[in-house]
């Protein structure tokens, strides 16, 4: 659920949407890491000015924690 939202959100922001991939890795029952891979020219757009875009995604992920009890770490990586 959260990975689909992040993938669709990221595709709206970037210039090369076909390069966006989102993976989720469960570390344990209460922690998961989400990795957003995008074209290297789009990394700045995903992070945003002063980190505003990535912080918005982190805030949304923290809202999901209340529902499923899992903490999320979001990482942005260049392809």
C-alpha atoms as a PDB file:
ATOM      1  CA  UNK A   1       0.000   0.000   0.000  1.00  0.00           C
ATOM      2  CA  UNK A   2       2.570   2.589   1.075  1.00  0.00           C
ATOM      3  CA  UNK A   3       5.008   1.542  -1.659  1.00  0.00           C
ATOM      4  CA  UNK A   4       2.372   2.044  -4.354  1.00  0.00           C
ATOM      5  CA  UNK A   5       1.576   5.512  -3.025  1.00  0.00           C
ATOM      6  CA  UNK A   6       5.244   6.516  -2.884  1.00  0.00           C
ATOM      7  CA  UNK A   7       5.888   5.149  -6.391  1.00  0.00           C
ATOM      8  CA  UNK A   8       2.934   7.037  -7.888  1.00  0.00           C
ATOM      9  CA  UNK A   9       3.849  10.216  -5.983  1.00  0.00           C
ATOM     10  CA  UNK A  10       7.471  10.024  -7.120  1.00  0.00           C
ATOM     11  CA  UNK A  11       6.469   9.464 -10.752  1.00  0.00           C
ATOM     12  CA  UNK A  12       4.471  12.707 -10.672  1.00  0.00           C
ATOM     13  CA  UNK A  13       7.475  14.693  -9.436  1.00  0.00           C
ATOM     14  CA  UNK A  14      10.349  13.412 -11.603  1.00  0.00           C
ATOM     15  CA  UNK A  15      11.247  14.118 -15.234  1.00  0.00           C
ATOM     16  CA  UNK A  16      11.919  10.452 -16.104  1.00  0.00           C
ATOM     17  CA  UNK A  17       9.057   8.526 -14.432  1.00  0.00           C
ATOM     18  CA  UNK A  18       9.907   5.203 -16.086  1.00  0.00           C
ATOM     19  CA  UNK A  19      13.152   5.083 -14.062  1.00  0.00           C
ATOM     20  CA  UNK A  20      11.362   5.161 -10.694  1.00  0.00           C
ATOM     21  CA  UNK A  21      11.349   1.928  -8.685  1.00  0.00           C
ATOM     22  CA  UNK A  22      10.284   1.508  -5.080  1.00  0.00           C
ATOM     23  CA  UNK A  23      11.208  -1.480  -2.925  1.00  0.00           C
ATOM     24  CA  UNK A  24      10.280  -2.312   0.651  1.00  0.00           C
ATOM     25  CA  UNK A  25      12.469  -4.490   2.854  1.00  0.00           C
ATOM     26  CA  UNK A  26      11.185  -5.669   6.223  1.00  0.00           C
ATOM     27  CA  UNK A  27      13.987  -5.514   8.770  1.00  0.00           C
ATOM     28  CA  UNK A  28      11.859  -6.985  11.567  1.00  0.00           C
ATOM     29  CA  UNK A  29       8.217  -6.965  12.654  1.00  0.00           C
ATOM     30  CA  UNK A  30       8.274  -3.277  13.589  1.00  0.00           C
ATOM     31  CA  UNK A  31      10.698  -1.716  11.084  1.00  0.00           C
ATOM     32  CA  UNK A  32      10.874  -1.531   7.285  1.00  0.00           C
ATOM     33  CA  UNK A  33      13.125   0.306   4.852  1.00  0.00           C
ATOM     34  CA  UNK A  34      11.695   1.776   1.660  1.00  0.00           C
ATOM     35  CA  UNK A  35      14.160   2.546  -1.125  1.00  0.00           C
ATOM     36  CA  UNK A  36      13.204   4.898  -3.943  1.00  0.00           C
ATOM     37  CA  UNK A  37      15.463   4.563  -6.981  1.00  0.00           C
ATOM     38  CA  UNK A  38      15.278   7.275  -9.627  1.00  0.00           C
ATOM     39  CA  UNK A  39      17.311   8.795 -12.422  1.00  0.00           C
ATOM     40  CA  UNK A  40      20.286  10.697 -11.021  1.00  0.00           C
ATOM     41  CA  UNK A  41      18.990  13.939 -12.544  1.00  0.00           C
ATOM     42  CA  UNK A  42      15.751  13.604 -10.539  1.00  0.00           C
ATOM     43  CA  UNK A  43      17.195  13.027  -7.072  1.00  0.00           C
ATOM     44  CA  UNK A  44      17.065  16.736  -6.230  1.00  0.00           C
ATOM     45  CA  UNK A  45      13.397  16.890  -7.198  1.00  0.00           C
ATOM     46  CA  UNK A  46      12.559  13.952  -4.934  1.00  0.00           C
ATOM     47  CA  UNK A  47      14.400  15.466  -1.981  1.00  0.00           C
ATOM     48  CA  UNK A  48      13.084  18.964  -2.648  1.00  0.00           C
ATOM     49  CA  UNK A  49      14.217  22.357  -1.442  1.00  0.00           C
ATOM     50  CA  UNK A  50      15.347  22.044   2.184  1.00  0.00           C
ATOM     51  CA  UNK A  51      14.193  18.399   2.111  1.00  0.00           C
ATOM     52  CA  UNK A  52      10.518  19.338   1.917  1.00  0.00           C
ATOM     53  CA  UNK A  53       9.454  16.615  -0.556  1.00  0.00           C
ATOM     54  CA  UNK A  54      11.159  13.730   1.214  1.00  0.00           C
ATOM     55  CA  UNK A  55       9.953  15.015   4.576  1.00  0.00           C
ATOM     56  CA  UNK A  56       6.374  14.990   3.269  1.00  0.00           C
ATOM     57  CA  UNK A  57       6.805  11.339   2.284  1.00  0.00           C
ATOM     58  CA  UNK A  58       8.288  10.532   5.695  1.00  0.00           C
ATOM     59  CA  UNK A  59       5.361  12.233   7.433  1.00  0.00           C
ATOM     60  CA  UNK A  60       2.905  10.189   5.386  1.00  0.00           C
ATOM     61  CA  UNK A  61       4.823   6.992   6.198  1.00  0.00           C
ATOM     62  CA  UNK A  62       4.687   7.847   9.908  1.00  0.00           C
ATOM     63  CA  UNK A  63       0.915   8.137   9.559  1.00  0.00           C
ATOM     64  CA  UNK A  64       0.839   4.568   8.265  1.00  0.00           C
ATOM     65  CA  UNK A  65       2.707   3.501  11.399  1.00  0.00           C
ATOM     66  CA  UNK A  66      -0.401   4.232  13.436  1.00  0.00           C
ATOM     67  CA  UNK A  67      -2.352   1.784  11.273  1.00  0.00           C
ATOM     68  CA  UNK A  68       0.048  -1.137  10.870  1.00  0.00           C
ATOM     69  CA  UNK A  69       2.552  -0.614  13.709  1.00  0.00           C
ATOM     70  CA  UNK A  70       5.587  -0.569  11.409  1.00  0.00           C
ATOM     71  CA  UNK A  71       8.164   2.248  11.401  1.00  0.00           C
ATOM     72  CA  UNK A  72       9.472   3.213   7.970  1.00  0.00           C
ATOM     73  CA  UNK A  73      12.802   4.605   6.839  1.00  0.00           C
ATOM     74  CA  UNK A  74      12.769   6.142   3.354  1.00  0.00           C
ATOM     75  CA  UNK A  75      15.954   6.272   1.328  1.00  0.00           C
ATOM     76  CA  UNK A  76      16.418   7.945  -2.081  1.00  0.00           C
ATOM     77  CA  UNK A  77      19.032   6.387  -4.373  1.00  0.00           C
ATOM     78  CA  UNK A  78      20.262   7.334  -7.848  1.00  0.00           C
ATOM     79  CA  UNK A  79      20.208   4.723 -10.597  1.00  0.00           C
END
